[in-house]
Amino acid sequence: MMIPASILATLRVAAFAPALSLASPGDLAAQGPANTYVRRDECIAGGLLTAEQCEFAYRNARAEFEQRAPRYASRAACERAHKRCGAQIISAGGWESFGKGGATYVPRFVGVRVTGEGAARRALPVVEGSAKVAFVGRPVTELQDKVAGRQGVIGLASSVGRGTNRHAGQSSGTYVKRGDRDDTMRVPMEEKSIGSDVKPGLYVDPDGVEWYKPARPR
Protein backbone atom coordinates (compact mmCIF):
# COMPACT_ATOMS: atom_id res chain seq x y z
CA MET A 1 0.00 0.00 0.00
CA MET A 2 1.45 3.34 -1.03
CA ILE A 3 1.72 6.00 1.65
CA PRO A 4 0.76 9.46 0.36
CA ALA A 5 3.56 12.02 0.46
CA SER A 6 1.25 14.33 2.34
CA ILE A 7 1.23 12.07 5.39
CA LEU A 8 3.40 13.62 8.04
CA ALA A 9 6.65 11.95 8.98
CA THR A 10 7.18 10.86 12.57
CA LEU A 11 10.17 11.89 14.65
CA ARG A 12 11.11 10.19 17.85
CA VAL A 13 12.92 12.10 20.58
CA ALA A 14 15.67 10.48 22.62
CA ALA A 15 16.53 11.66 26.11
CA PHE A 16 19.92 13.31 26.47
CA ALA A 17 21.24 10.79 28.98
CA PRO A 18 20.69 7.63 26.87
CA ALA A 19 22.21 9.37 23.86
CA LEU A 20 25.39 10.02 25.80
CA SER A 21 25.94 6.29 26.21
CA LEU A 22 26.91 6.20 22.53
CA ALA A 23 30.05 8.23 23.22
CA SER A 24 33.13 6.02 23.22
CA PRO A 25 35.96 6.38 25.76
CA GLY A 26 38.20 7.30 22.83
CA ASP A 27 36.02 10.29 22.00
CA LEU A 28 36.34 11.56 25.55
CA ALA A 29 40.04 10.81 25.97
CA ALA A 30 41.02 12.31 22.61
CA GLN A 31 40.14 15.78 23.80
CA GLY A 32 42.81 16.06 26.46
CA PRO A 33 43.67 14.80 29.96
CA ALA A 34 41.29 16.05 32.64
CA ASN A 35 38.31 14.95 34.69
CA THR A 36 35.63 14.07 32.16
CA TYR A 37 32.00 13.36 32.98
CA VAL A 38 29.23 12.10 30.75
CA ARG A 39 26.45 12.84 33.24
CA ARG A 40 25.87 15.15 36.19
CA ASP A 41 25.59 12.27 38.64
CA GLU A 42 29.08 11.10 37.62
CA CYS A 43 30.39 14.59 38.34
CA ILE A 44 28.80 14.64 41.80
CA ALA A 45 29.95 11.10 42.61
CA GLY A 46 33.50 12.01 41.60
CA GLY A 47 33.74 14.38 44.55
CA LEU A 48 35.91 16.93 42.78
CA LEU A 49 33.09 19.49 42.55
CA THR A 50 30.08 20.20 44.71
CA ALA A 51 26.60 19.42 43.38
CA GLU A 52 26.11 23.12 42.65
CA GLN A 53 29.43 23.33 40.80
CA CYS A 54 28.49 20.27 38.74
CA GLU A 55 25.25 22.01 37.79
CA PHE A 56 27.18 25.15 36.79
CA ALA A 57 29.72 23.03 34.89
CA TYR A 58 27.06 21.37 32.74
CA ARG A 59 25.03 24.48 32.04
CA ASN A 60 28.11 26.58 31.31
CA ALA A 61 29.64 23.92 29.06
CA ARG A 62 26.38 23.60 27.15
CA ALA A 63 26.30 27.37 26.57
CA GLU A 64 29.95 27.29 25.48
CA PHE A 65 29.08 24.54 23.02
CA GLU A 66 26.17 26.49 21.56
CA GLN A 67 28.34 29.57 21.12
CA ARG A 68 31.59 28.04 19.89
CA ALA A 69 30.82 24.64 18.36
CA PRO A 70 31.70 24.52 14.65
CA ARG A 71 28.72 24.60 12.30
CA TYR A 72 28.79 22.99 8.86
CA ALA A 73 26.69 23.49 5.76
CA SER A 74 26.27 19.73 5.24
CA ARG A 75 26.01 16.66 7.43
CA ALA A 76 28.72 14.90 5.40
CA ALA A 77 31.24 17.69 6.00
CA CYS A 78 30.49 17.69 9.71
CA GLU A 79 30.76 13.92 10.07
CA ARG A 80 34.10 13.82 8.25
CA ALA A 81 35.51 15.75 11.21
CA HIS A 82 33.29 14.67 14.08
CA LYS A 83 31.97 11.18 13.26
CA ARG A 84 28.33 11.89 14.16
CA CYS A 85 26.46 15.18 13.83
CA GLY A 86 22.97 16.57 14.13
CA ALA A 87 21.14 19.27 12.23
CA GLN A 88 20.69 22.21 14.57
CA ILE A 89 17.26 23.70 15.09
CA ILE A 90 17.35 27.34 16.13
CA SER A 91 14.64 29.60 17.46
CA ALA A 92 14.13 31.42 14.16
CA GLY A 93 12.55 29.15 11.57
CA GLY A 94 12.17 25.98 13.62
CA TRP A 95 11.25 22.77 11.83
CA GLU A 96 9.93 24.69 8.85
CA SER A 97 13.46 25.81 8.02
CA PHE A 98 14.53 22.25 7.14
CA GLY A 99 11.99 21.95 4.35
CA LYS A 100 13.44 25.09 2.78
CA GLY A 101 17.10 24.10 3.02
CA GLY A 102 19.77 26.08 4.84
CA ALA A 103 20.14 23.74 7.83
CA THR A 104 23.46 23.73 9.69
CA TYR A 105 25.06 20.72 11.37
CA VAL A 106 26.97 20.47 14.64
CA PRO A 107 28.94 17.67 16.34
CA ARG A 108 27.20 15.84 19.18
CA PHE A 109 27.71 17.20 22.70
CA VAL A 110 28.71 14.12 24.74
CA GLY A 111 30.01 15.36 28.08
CA VAL A 112 31.91 17.89 30.16
CA ARG A 113 35.65 18.15 30.83
CA VAL A 114 36.86 19.94 33.96
CA THR A 115 40.38 21.37 33.89
CA GLY A 116 42.50 23.39 36.32
CA GLU A 117 42.68 23.51 40.09
CA GLY A 118 40.67 25.17 42.84
CA ALA A 119 38.92 28.41 41.92
CA ALA A 120 40.60 28.31 38.49
CA ARG A 121 38.73 25.18 37.39
CA ARG A 122 36.89 25.51 34.11
CA ALA A 123 34.29 23.40 32.32
CA LEU A 124 34.62 22.66 28.62
CA PRO A 125 32.29 20.77 26.29
CA VAL A 126 33.29 17.36 24.95
CA VAL A 127 32.10 16.62 21.43
CA GLU A 128 32.01 13.37 19.52
CA GLY A 129 35.02 12.51 17.37
CA SER A 130 38.69 13.41 17.66
CA ALA A 131 38.74 16.74 15.79
CA LYS A 132 39.94 19.61 17.96
CA VAL A 133 37.54 22.45 18.77
CA ALA A 134 38.75 25.77 20.21
CA PHE A 135 36.62 25.88 23.35
CA VAL A 136 37.90 28.31 26.01
CA GLY A 137 35.81 26.99 28.89
CA ARG A 138 33.80 28.71 31.59
CA PRO A 139 34.21 28.70 35.39
CA VAL A 140 32.53 26.10 37.58
CA THR A 141 32.14 28.50 40.50
CA GLU A 142 29.33 30.59 39.00
CA LEU A 143 26.60 30.30 36.40
CA GLN A 144 27.64 31.77 33.04
CA ASP A 145 25.20 30.24 30.57
CA LYS A 146 24.61 33.17 28.25
CA VAL A 147 25.07 32.53 24.52
CA ALA A 148 26.50 35.55 22.70
CA GLY A 149 26.38 34.71 19.01
CA ARG A 150 27.38 31.58 17.14
CA GLN A 151 30.17 30.41 14.85
CA GLY A 152 30.13 30.97 11.11
CA VAL A 153 29.04 28.16 8.81
CA ILE A 154 31.86 26.07 7.32
CA GLY A 155 31.35 25.28 3.65
CA LEU A 156 28.54 27.75 3.04
CA ALA A 157 28.76 28.58 -0.67
CA SER A 158 27.02 31.94 -0.31
CA SER A 159 29.78 33.22 1.96
CA VAL A 160 32.48 32.84 -0.69
CA GLY A 161 33.73 36.23 -1.80
CA ARG A 162 31.48 38.08 0.60
CA GLY A 163 33.62 38.03 3.68
CA THR A 164 32.92 36.24 6.96
CA ASN A 165 31.47 39.02 9.05
CA ARG A 166 27.98 38.18 7.93
CA HIS A 167 28.11 34.84 9.75
CA ALA A 168 30.79 35.18 12.40
CA GLY A 169 29.10 36.94 15.28
CA GLN A 170 25.35 36.79 15.30
CA SER A 171 24.86 38.42 18.69
CA SER A 172 21.51 39.76 17.58
CA GLY A 173 18.79 38.26 15.43
CA THR A 174 18.89 34.46 15.55
CA TYR A 175 19.46 33.30 19.12
CA VAL A 176 19.74 29.77 20.41
CA LYS A 177 17.13 29.09 23.06
CA ARG A 178 18.26 27.93 26.48
CA GLY A 179 16.62 24.95 28.09
CA ASP A 180 17.28 23.19 31.38
CA ARG A 181 17.37 19.41 31.46
CA ASP A 182 18.25 16.85 34.08
CA ASP A 183 20.75 14.77 32.15
CA THR A 184 20.57 11.93 34.69
CA MET A 185 16.88 11.11 34.21
CA ARG A 186 15.29 9.00 31.52
CA VAL A 187 12.60 10.82 29.60
CA PRO A 188 9.84 8.78 27.89
CA MET A 189 10.06 8.55 24.14
CA GLU A 190 7.95 11.19 22.50
CA GLU A 191 6.66 11.51 18.96
CA LYS A 192 6.04 14.59 16.87
CA SER A 193 4.65 14.90 13.37
CA ILE A 194 6.23 17.32 10.94
CA GLY A 195 6.18 17.92 7.22
CA SER A 196 7.33 15.14 4.88
CA ASP A 197 9.86 17.54 3.32
CA VAL A 198 12.18 17.15 6.33
CA LYS A 199 14.88 14.62 5.43
CA PRO A 200 15.60 11.53 7.58
CA GLY A 201 18.43 11.92 10.07
CA LEU A 202 19.48 13.21 13.47
CA TYR A 203 18.41 16.68 14.60
CA VAL A 204 19.18 18.70 17.72
CA ASP A 205 16.61 21.13 19.08
CA PRO A 206 17.41 24.38 20.95
CA ASP A 207 17.30 22.56 24.30
CA GLY A 208 19.91 20.02 23.22
CA VAL A 209 17.38 17.20 22.85
CA GLU A 210 18.05 14.84 19.97
CA TRP A 211 15.32 13.92 17.49
CA TYR A 212 15.69 11.10 14.99
CA LYS A 213 13.63 10.78 11.84
CA PRO A 214 13.76 7.22 10.44
CA ALA A 215 14.18 6.60 6.74
CA ARG A 216 10.81 4.81 6.59
CA PRO A 217 7.57 5.56 8.47
CA ARG A 218 7.02 3.26 11.44
C-alpha atoms as a PDB file:
ATOM      1  CA  MET A   1       0.000   0.000   0.000  1.00  0.00           C
ATOM      2  CA  MET A   2       1.446   3.339  -1.032  1.00  0.00           C
ATOM      3  CA  ILE A   3       1.725   6.000   1.653  1.00  0.00           C
ATOM      4  CA  PRO A   4       0.759   9.459   0.355  1.00  0.00           C
ATOM      5  CA  ALA A   5       3.556  12.017   0.461  1.00  0.00           C
ATOM      6  CA  SER A   6       1.249  14.334   2.337  1.00  0.00           C
ATOM      7  CA  ILE A   7       1.228  12.069   5.394  1.00  0.00           C
ATOM      8  CA  LEU A   8       3.402  13.619   8.043  1.00  0.00           C
ATOM      9  CA  ALA A   9       6.655  11.948   8.984  1.00  0.00           C
ATOM     10  CA  THR A  10       7.182  10.860  12.566  1.00  0.00           C
ATOM     11  CA  LEU A  11      10.172  11.887  14.655  1.00  0.00           C
ATOM     12  CA  ARG A  12      11.110  10.195  17.854  1.00  0.00           C
ATOM     13  CA  VAL A  13      12.921  12.098  20.583  1.00  0.00           C
ATOM     14  CA  ALA A  14      15.668  10.475  22.624  1.00  0.00           C
ATOM     15  CA  ALA A  15      16.528  11.660  26.111  1.00  0.00           C
ATOM     16  CA  PHE A  16      19.919  13.313  26.470  1.00  0.00           C
ATOM     17  CA  ALA A  17      21.236  10.787  28.982  1.00  0.00           C
ATOM     18  CA  PRO A  18      20.689   7.632  26.871  1.00  0.00           C
ATOM     19  CA  ALA A  19      22.207   9.375  23.858  1.00  0.00           C
ATOM     20  CA  LEU A  20      25.387  10.021  25.799  1.00  0.00           C
ATOM     21  CA  SER A  21      25.942   6.294  26.214  1.00  0.00           C
ATOM     22  CA  LEU A  22      26.912   6.195  22.529  1.00  0.00           C
ATOM     23  CA  ALA A  23      30.052   8.233  23.225  1.00  0.00           C
ATOM     24  CA  SER A  24      33.130   6.017  23.217  1.00  0.00           C
ATOM     25  CA  PRO A  25      35.959   6.377  25.758  1.00  0.00           C
ATOM     26  CA  GLY A  26      38.197   7.296  22.829  1.00  0.00           C
ATOM     27  CA  ASP A  27      36.017  10.289  21.999  1.00  0.00           C
ATOM     28  CA  LEU A  28      36.335  11.557  25.552  1.00  0.00           C
ATOM     29  CA  ALA A  29      40.037  10.806  25.965  1.00  0.00           C
ATOM     30  CA  ALA A  30      41.021  12.310  22.615  1.00  0.00           C
ATOM     31  CA  GLN A  31      40.140  15.784  23.796  1.00  0.00           C
ATOM     32  CA  GLY A  32      42.806  16.057  26.456  1.00  0.00           C
ATOM     33  CA  PRO A  33      43.673  14.799  29.964  1.00  0.00           C
ATOM     34  CA  ALA A  34      41.285  16.053  32.644  1.00  0.00           C
ATOM     35  CA  ASN A  35      38.314  14.948  34.687  1.00  0.00           C
ATOM     36  CA  THR A  36      35.628  14.070  32.156  1.00  0.00           C
ATOM     37  CA  TYR A  37      31.999  13.359  32.980  1.00  0.00           C
ATOM     38  CA  VAL A  38      29.232  12.095  30.748  1.00  0.00           C
ATOM     39  CA  ARG A  39      26.446  12.836  33.238  1.00  0.00           C
ATOM     40  CA  ARG A  40      25.873  15.152  36.186  1.00  0.00           C
ATOM     41  CA  ASP A  41      25.593  12.267  38.642  1.00  0.00           C
ATOM     42  CA  GLU A  42      29.078  11.105  37.620  1.00  0.00           C
ATOM     43  CA  CYS A  43      30.386  14.593  38.338  1.00  0.00           C
ATOM     44  CA  ILE A  44      28.799  14.639  41.795  1.00  0.00           C
ATOM     45  CA  ALA A  45      29.950  11.096  42.612  1.00  0.00           C
ATOM     46  CA  GLY A  46      33.500  12.009  41.597  1.00  0.00           C
ATOM     47  CA  GLY A  47      33.741  14.380  44.551  1.00  0.00           C
ATOM     48  CA  LEU A  48      35.905  16.934  42.780  1.00  0.00           C
ATOM     49  CA  LEU A  49      33.090  19.486  42.549  1.00  0.00           C
ATOM     50  CA  THR A  50      30.076  20.203  44.713  1.00  0.00           C
ATOM     51  CA  ALA A  51      26.603  19.416  43.385  1.00  0.00           C
ATOM     52  CA  GLU A  52      26.110  23.115  42.650  1.00  0.00           C
ATOM     53  CA  GLN A  53      29.431  23.326  40.802  1.00  0.00           C
ATOM     54  CA  CYS A  54      28.492  20.267  38.738  1.00  0.00           C
ATOM     55  CA  GLU A  55      25.247  22.012  37.793  1.00  0.00           C
ATOM     56  CA  PHE A  56      27.181  25.146  36.792  1.00  0.00           C
ATOM     57  CA  ALA A  57      29.718  23.032  34.888  1.00  0.00           C
ATOM     58  CA  TYR A  58      27.060  21.374  32.742  1.00  0.00           C
ATOM     59  CA  ARG A  59      25.028  24.483  32.042  1.00  0.00           C
ATOM     60  CA  ASN A  60      28.108  26.585  31.311  1.00  0.00           C
ATOM     61  CA  ALA A  61      29.640  23.923  29.064  1.00  0.00           C
ATOM     62  CA  ARG A  62      26.379  23.597  27.149  1.00  0.00           C
ATOM     63  CA  ALA A  63      26.298  27.367  26.574  1.00  0.00           C
ATOM     64  CA  GLU A  64      29.948  27.285  25.482  1.00  0.00           C
ATOM     65  CA  PHE A  65      29.078  24.540  23.024  1.00  0.00           C
ATOM     66  CA  GLU A  66      26.172  26.489  21.556  1.00  0.00           C
ATOM     67  CA  GLN A  67      28.341  29.575  21.123  1.00  0.00           C
ATOM     68  CA  ARG A  68      31.594  28.035  19.893  1.00  0.00           C
ATOM     69  CA  ALA A  69      30.820  24.644  18.357  1.00  0.00           C
ATOM     70  CA  PRO A  70      31.700  24.517  14.651  1.00  0.00           C
ATOM     71  CA  ARG A  71      28.721  24.602  12.296  1.00  0.00           C
ATOM     72  CA  TYR A  72      28.786  22.991   8.865  1.00  0.00           C
ATOM     73  CA  ALA A  73      26.691  23.494   5.764  1.00  0.00           C
ATOM     74  CA  SER A  74      26.275  19.730   5.240  1.00  0.00           C
ATOM     75  CA  ARG A  75      26.005  16.658   7.435  1.00  0.00           C
ATOM     76  CA  ALA A  76      28.715  14.902   5.403  1.00  0.00           C
ATOM     77  CA  ALA A  77      31.244  17.687   5.997  1.00  0.00           C
ATOM     78  CA  CYS A  78      30.491  17.691   9.711  1.00  0.00           C
ATOM     79  CA  GLU A  79      30.756  13.924  10.069  1.00  0.00           C
ATOM     80  CA  ARG A  80      34.096  13.821   8.249  1.00  0.00           C
ATOM     81  CA  ALA A  81      35.511  15.750  11.206  1.00  0.00           C
ATOM     82  CA  HIS A  82      33.293  14.673  14.083  1.00  0.00           C
ATOM     83  CA  LYS A  83      31.968  11.185  13.263  1.00  0.00           C
ATOM     84  CA  ARG A  84      28.326  11.895  14.162  1.00  0.00           C
ATOM     85  CA  CYS A  85      26.460  15.177  13.827  1.00  0.00           C
ATOM     86  CA  GLY A  86      22.966  16.568  14.134  1.00  0.00           C
ATOM     87  CA  ALA A  87      21.137  19.273  12.229  1.00  0.00           C
ATOM     88  CA  GLN A  88      20.695  22.213  14.572  1.00  0.00           C
ATOM     89  CA  ILE A  89      17.259  23.696  15.089  1.00  0.00           C
ATOM     90  CA  ILE A  90      17.352  27.345  16.127  1.00  0.00           C
ATOM     91  CA  SER A  91      14.640  29.597  17.462  1.00  0.00           C
ATOM     92  CA  ALA A  92      14.127  31.420  14.156  1.00  0.00           C
ATOM     93  CA  GLY A  93      12.554  29.150  11.566  1.00  0.00           C
ATOM     94  CA  GLY A  94      12.166  25.984  13.620  1.00  0.00           C
ATOM     95  CA  TRP A  95      11.245  22.768  11.834  1.00  0.00           C
ATOM     96  CA  GLU A  96       9.926  24.688   8.852  1.00  0.00           C
ATOM     97  CA  SER A  97      13.465  25.810   8.018  1.00  0.00           C
ATOM     98  CA  PHE A  98      14.530  22.252   7.138  1.00  0.00           C
ATOM     99  CA  GLY A  99      11.993  21.952   4.349  1.00  0.00           C
ATOM    100  CA  LYS A 100      13.436  25.090   2.776  1.00  0.00           C
ATOM    101  CA  GLY A 101      17.096  24.098   3.021  1.00  0.00           C
ATOM    102  CA  GLY A 102      19.765  26.084   4.843  1.00  0.00           C
ATOM    103  CA  ALA A 103      20.142  23.743   7.832  1.00  0.00           C
ATOM    104  CA  THR A 104      23.456  23.734   9.689  1.00  0.00           C
ATOM    105  CA  TYR A 105      25.063  20.718  11.367  1.00  0.00           C
ATOM    106  CA  VAL A 106      26.973  20.473  14.642  1.00  0.00           C
ATOM    107  CA  PRO A 107      28.938  17.674  16.339  1.00  0.00           C
ATOM    108  CA  ARG A 108      27.201  15.842  19.181  1.00  0.00           C
ATOM    109  CA  PHE A 109      27.713  17.196  22.703  1.00  0.00           C
ATOM    110  CA  VAL A 110      28.706  14.120  24.741  1.00  0.00           C
ATOM    111  CA  GLY A 111      30.007  15.364  28.081  1.00  0.00           C
ATOM    112  CA  VAL A 112      31.909  17.891  30.160  1.00  0.00           C
ATOM    113  CA  ARG A 113      35.646  18.145  30.828  1.00  0.00           C
ATOM    114  CA  VAL A 114      36.861  19.938  33.963  1.00  0.00           C
ATOM    115  CA  THR A 115      40.381  21.374  33.892  1.00  0.00           C
ATOM    116  CA  GLY A 116      42.502  23.395  36.325  1.00  0.00           C
ATOM    117  CA  GLU A 117      42.678  23.509  40.091  1.00  0.00           C
ATOM    118  CA  GLY A 118      40.672  25.174  42.837  1.00  0.00           C
ATOM    119  CA  ALA A 119      38.918  28.408  41.924  1.00  0.00           C
ATOM    120  CA  ALA A 120      40.596  28.309  38.494  1.00  0.00           C
ATOM    121  CA  ARG A 121      38.730  25.180  37.393  1.00  0.00           C
ATOM    122  CA  ARG A 122      36.885  25.505  34.108  1.00  0.00           C
ATOM    123  CA  ALA A 123      34.288  23.402  32.325  1.00  0.00           C
ATOM    124  CA  LEU A 124      34.625  22.663  28.618  1.00  0.00           C
ATOM    125  CA  PRO A 125      32.288  20.767  26.289  1.00  0.00           C
ATOM    126  CA  VAL A 126      33.292  17.365  24.949  1.00  0.00           C
ATOM    127  CA  VAL A 127      32.096  16.623  21.429  1.00  0.00           C
ATOM    128  CA  GLU A 128      32.011  13.369  19.524  1.00  0.00           C
ATOM    129  CA  GLY A 129      35.019  12.511  17.372  1.00  0.00           C
ATOM    130  CA  SER A 130      38.693  13.411  17.664  1.00  0.00           C
ATOM    131  CA  ALA A 131      38.737  16.738  15.794  1.00  0.00           C
ATOM    132  CA  LYS A 132      39.943  19.614  17.958  1.00  0.00           C
ATOM    133  CA  VAL A 133      37.541  22.449  18.766  1.00  0.00           C
ATOM    134  CA  ALA A 134      38.752  25.770  20.215  1.00  0.00           C
ATOM    135  CA  PHE A 135      36.621  25.881  23.355  1.00  0.00           C
ATOM    136  CA  VAL A 136      37.897  28.307  26.010  1.00  0.00           C
ATOM    137  CA  GLY A 137      35.807  26.992  28.888  1.00  0.00           C
ATOM    138  CA  ARG A 138      33.800  28.708  31.595  1.00  0.00           C
ATOM    139  CA  PRO A 139      34.207  28.701  35.395  1.00  0.00           C
ATOM    140  CA  VAL A 140      32.534  26.101  37.578  1.00  0.00           C
ATOM    141  CA  THR A 141      32.137  28.503  40.505  1.00  0.00           C
ATOM    142  CA  GLU A 142      29.331  30.586  38.996  1.00  0.00           C
ATOM    143  CA  LEU A 143      26.603  30.298  36.399  1.00  0.00           C
ATOM    144  CA  GLN A 144      27.645  31.772  33.036  1.00  0.00           C
ATOM    145  CA  ASP A 145      25.204  30.239  30.567  1.00  0.00           C
ATOM    146  CA  LYS A 146      24.609  33.170  28.246  1.00  0.00           C
ATOM    147  CA  VAL A 147      25.071  32.534  24.525  1.00  0.00           C
ATOM    148  CA  ALA A 148      26.495  35.548  22.697  1.00  0.00           C
ATOM    149  CA  GLY A 149      26.383  34.709  19.009  1.00  0.00           C
ATOM    150  CA  ARG A 150      27.381  31.580  17.138  1.00  0.00           C
ATOM    151  CA  GLN A 151      30.171  30.411  14.847  1.00  0.00           C
ATOM    152  CA  GLY A 152      30.125  30.973  11.105  1.00  0.00           C
ATOM    153  CA  VAL A 153      29.045  28.156   8.805  1.00  0.00           C
ATOM    154  CA  ILE A 154      31.856  26.075   7.320  1.00  0.00           C
ATOM    155  CA  GLY A 155      31.348  25.284   3.646  1.00  0.00           C
ATOM    156  CA  LEU A 156      28.535  27.748   3.040  1.00  0.00           C
ATOM    157  CA  ALA A 157      28.761  28.582  -0.666  1.00  0.00           C
ATOM    158  CA  SER A 158      27.024  31.939  -0.314  1.00  0.00           C
ATOM    159  CA  SER A 159      29.784  33.218   1.958  1.00  0.00           C
ATOM    160  CA  VAL A 160      32.482  32.836  -0.692  1.00  0.00           C
ATOM    161  CA  GLY A 161      33.733  36.232  -1.804  1.00  0.00           C
ATOM    162  CA  ARG A 162      31.477  38.078   0.598  1.00  0.00           C
ATOM    163  CA  GLY A 163      33.624  38.028   3.682  1.00  0.00           C
ATOM    164  CA  THR A 164      32.925  36.237   6.956  1.00  0.00           C
ATOM    165  CA  ASN A 165      31.470  39.024   9.046  1.00  0.00           C
ATOM    166  CA  ARG A 166      27.985  38.182   7.932  1.00  0.00           C
ATOM    167  CA  HIS A 167      28.111  34.843   9.754  1.00  0.00           C
ATOM    168  CA  ALA A 168      30.787  35.182  12.402  1.00  0.00           C
ATOM    169  CA  GLY A 169      29.098  36.943  15.283  1.00  0.00           C
ATOM    170  CA  GLN A 170      25.347  36.786  15.295  1.00  0.00           C
ATOM    171  CA  SER A 171      24.863  38.420  18.693  1.00  0.00           C
ATOM    172  CA  SER A 172      21.512  39.756  17.576  1.00  0.00           C
ATOM    173  CA  GLY A 173      18.788  38.263  15.434  1.00  0.00           C
ATOM    174  CA  THR A 174      18.886  34.463  15.548  1.00  0.00           C
ATOM    175  CA  TYR A 175      19.456  33.297  19.118  1.00  0.00           C
ATOM    176  CA  VAL A 176      19.744  29.766  20.412  1.00  0.00           C
ATOM    177  CA  LYS A 177      17.130  29.086  23.064  1.00  0.00           C
ATOM    178  CA  ARG A 178      18.259  27.926  26.484  1.00  0.00           C
ATOM    179  CA  GLY A 179      16.620  24.953  28.092  1.00  0.00           C
ATOM    180  CA  ASP A 180      17.281  23.195  31.380  1.00  0.00           C
ATOM    181  CA  ARG A 181      17.373  19.407  31.459  1.00  0.00           C
ATOM    182  CA  ASP A 182      18.251  16.850  34.079  1.00  0.00           C
ATOM    183  CA  ASP A 183      20.752  14.773  32.147  1.00  0.00           C
ATOM    184  CA  THR A 184      20.571  11.926  34.686  1.00  0.00           C
ATOM    185  CA  MET A 185      16.875  11.109  34.211  1.00  0.00           C
ATOM    186  CA  ARG A 186      15.290   9.002  31.520  1.00  0.00           C
ATOM    187  CA  VAL A 187      12.596  10.818  29.596  1.00  0.00           C
ATOM    188  CA  PRO A 188       9.843   8.783  27.892  1.00  0.00           C
ATOM    189  CA  MET A 189      10.065   8.545  24.136  1.00  0.00           C
ATOM    190  CA  GLU A 190       7.950  11.192  22.503  1.00  0.00           C
ATOM    191  CA  GLU A 191       6.660  11.506  18.958  1.00  0.00           C
ATOM    192  CA  LYS A 192       6.045  14.586  16.870  1.00  0.00           C
ATOM    193  CA  SER A 193       4.652  14.895  13.370  1.00  0.00           C
ATOM    194  CA  ILE A 194       6.229  17.325  10.944  1.00  0.00           C
ATOM    195  CA  GLY A 195       6.185  17.916   7.216  1.00  0.00           C
ATOM    196  CA  SER A 196       7.331  15.144   4.883  1.00  0.00           C
ATOM    197  CA  ASP A 197       9.856  17.543   3.317  1.00  0.00           C
ATOM    198  CA  VAL A 198      12.178  17.153   6.329  1.00  0.00           C
ATOM    199  CA  LYS A 199      14.876  14.616   5.425  1.00  0.00           C
ATOM    200  CA  PRO A 200      15.600  11.534   7.583  1.00  0.00           C
ATOM    201  CA  GLY A 201      18.426  11.918  10.065  1.00  0.00           C
ATOM    202  CA  LEU A 202      19.483  13.213  13.471  1.00  0.00           C
ATOM    203  CA  TYR A 203      18.405  16.682  14.604  1.00  0.00           C
ATOM    204  CA  VAL A 204      19.182  18.705  17.721  1.00  0.00           C
ATOM    205  CA  ASP A 205      16.609  21.126  19.076  1.00  0.00           C
ATOM    206  CA  PRO A 206      17.412  24.377  20.952  1.00  0.00           C
ATOM    207  CA  ASP A 207      17.303  22.563  24.301  1.00  0.00           C
ATOM    208  CA  GLY A 208      19.909  20.019  23.221  1.00  0.00           C
ATOM    209  CA  VAL A 209      17.377  17.197  22.853  1.00  0.00           C
ATOM    210  CA  GLU A 210      18.051  14.839  19.967  1.00  0.00           C
ATOM    211  CA  TRP A 211      15.323  13.915  17.487  1.00  0.00           C
ATOM    212  CA  TYR A 212      15.686  11.101  14.990  1.00  0.00           C
ATOM    213  CA  LYS A 213      13.628  10.776  11.840  1.00  0.00           C
ATOM    214  CA  PRO A 214      13.757   7.219  10.444  1.00  0.00           C
ATOM    215  CA  ALA A 215      14.175   6.601   6.736  1.00  0.00           C
ATOM    216  CA  ARG A 216      10.806   4.814   6.593  1.00  0.00           C
ATOM    217  CA  PRO A 217       7.573   5.556   8.471  1.00  0.00           C
ATOM    218  CA  ARG A 218       7.022   3.257  11.437  1.00  0.00           C
END
